[in-house]
Amino acid sequence: QMCCKTPKEIMEQELPVGFRFYPTEVELILFYLRIQLGGGDATIHSLIPVLDVFSVEPTQLPNLAGERCRGDGEQWLFFVPRQEREARGGRPS
């Protein structure tokens, strides 16, 4: 179960053929987002990179995905930086 391992342990783990990095919504919120909000680290960003997905072409997203998501045709995970307006308390656009 991924929620019990650190991001570094996940990245160093020898994975079986066919393994997919597919965390649940609960794992994304309670584990990965919590680490990101606490400052993140290089390991978490290699799993889920920070990217302004609105500034790149959709066809580029698979190549910019984290190491464990690259090549997955169904899902790519990114932390998206808040826009300046949102950071000051405005509504998201």
Protein backbone atom coordinates (compact mmCIF):
# COMPACT_ATOMS: atom_id res chain seq x y z
CA GLN A 1 0.00 0.00 0.00
CA MET A 2 1.54 3.29 -1.13
CA CYS A 3 0.08 5.50 1.59
CA CYS A 4 2.38 3.90 4.16
CA LYS A 5 5.62 4.63 2.28
CA THR A 6 7.56 7.83 1.83
CA PRO A 7 7.88 9.24 -1.70
CA LYS A 8 11.57 8.28 -1.66
CA GLU A 9 10.70 4.67 -0.77
CA ILE A 10 8.16 4.57 -3.60
CA MET A 11 10.72 5.80 -6.15
CA GLU A 12 13.43 3.39 -4.96
CA GLN A 13 11.12 0.39 -4.88
CA GLU A 14 11.72 -2.30 -7.49
CA LEU A 15 8.42 -2.48 -9.32
CA PRO A 16 6.86 -5.52 -10.97
CA VAL A 17 6.11 -5.49 -14.68
CA GLY A 18 2.80 -3.75 -15.34
CA PHE A 19 2.85 -1.63 -12.18
CA ARG A 20 1.06 1.70 -12.51
CA PHE A 21 1.29 4.66 -10.13
CA TYR A 22 -2.42 5.16 -9.55
CA PRO A 23 -3.02 6.72 -6.10
CA THR A 24 -6.58 7.10 -4.83
CA GLU A 25 -8.13 10.53 -4.35
CA VAL A 26 -7.71 10.10 -0.59
CA GLU A 27 -3.99 9.28 -0.98
CA LEU A 28 -3.54 12.29 -3.27
CA ILE A 29 -5.13 14.67 -0.75
CA LEU A 30 -3.97 13.25 2.58
CA PHE A 31 -0.48 12.18 1.57
CA TYR A 32 0.90 13.84 -1.57
CA LEU A 33 -0.87 17.21 -1.31
CA ARG A 34 0.04 17.46 2.38
CA ILE A 35 3.72 16.98 1.52
CA GLN A 36 3.45 19.54 -1.30
CA LEU A 37 1.81 22.12 0.97
CA GLY A 38 4.59 21.51 3.51
CA GLY A 39 7.20 22.56 0.96
CA GLY A 40 7.44 19.43 -1.17
CA ASP A 41 10.75 17.84 -2.09
CA ALA A 42 12.55 16.57 -5.17
CA THR A 43 11.22 13.05 -4.68
CA ILE A 44 7.58 14.12 -4.56
CA HIS A 45 8.13 16.31 -7.62
CA SER A 46 9.56 13.37 -9.55
CA LEU A 47 6.26 11.56 -8.87
CA ILE A 48 3.95 14.56 -9.30
CA PRO A 49 5.73 17.54 -10.88
CA VAL A 50 4.72 21.18 -10.48
CA LEU A 51 3.53 22.47 -13.85
CA ASP A 52 1.26 25.22 -15.11
CA VAL A 53 -0.73 22.86 -17.32
CA PHE A 54 -2.49 25.82 -18.93
CA SER A 55 0.78 27.11 -20.42
CA VAL A 56 1.67 23.98 -22.42
CA GLU A 57 0.07 22.15 -25.30
CA PRO A 58 -2.01 19.14 -24.20
CA THR A 59 0.10 16.88 -26.41
CA GLN A 60 3.16 17.79 -24.29
CA LEU A 61 1.61 16.65 -21.00
CA PRO A 62 2.56 12.95 -21.24
CA ASN A 63 6.25 13.87 -21.63
CA LEU A 64 6.12 16.28 -18.68
CA ALA A 65 4.44 13.82 -16.31
CA GLY A 66 6.24 12.34 -13.32
CA GLU A 67 8.54 9.35 -13.73
CA ARG A 68 5.93 6.84 -12.60
CA CYS A 69 3.18 8.27 -14.86
CA ARG A 70 5.09 8.70 -18.11
CA GLY A 71 3.71 6.43 -20.77
CA ASP A 72 0.40 5.99 -18.95
CA GLY A 73 -2.32 6.78 -21.46
CA GLU A 74 -5.00 7.31 -18.84
CA GLN A 75 -3.64 9.57 -16.13
CA TRP A 76 -0.94 12.18 -15.53
CA LEU A 77 -0.67 13.97 -12.21
CA PHE A 78 0.57 17.52 -11.72
CA PHE A 79 0.60 20.09 -8.96
CA VAL A 80 -0.64 23.30 -10.59
CA PRO A 81 0.64 26.58 -9.10
CA ARG A 82 -2.07 28.96 -7.97
CA GLN A 83 -2.56 32.00 -10.13
CA GLU A 84 -1.69 35.34 -8.52
CA ARG A 85 -5.35 36.36 -8.32
CA GLU A 86 -6.22 33.16 -6.42
CA ALA A 87 -3.27 33.56 -4.05
CA ARG A 88 -4.64 36.96 -2.96
CA GLY A 89 -8.05 35.46 -2.16
CA GLY A 90 -9.80 36.05 -5.48
CA ARG A 91 -11.91 33.44 -7.17
CA PRO A 92 -10.16 30.92 -9.41
CA SER A 93 -10.54 31.64 -13.11
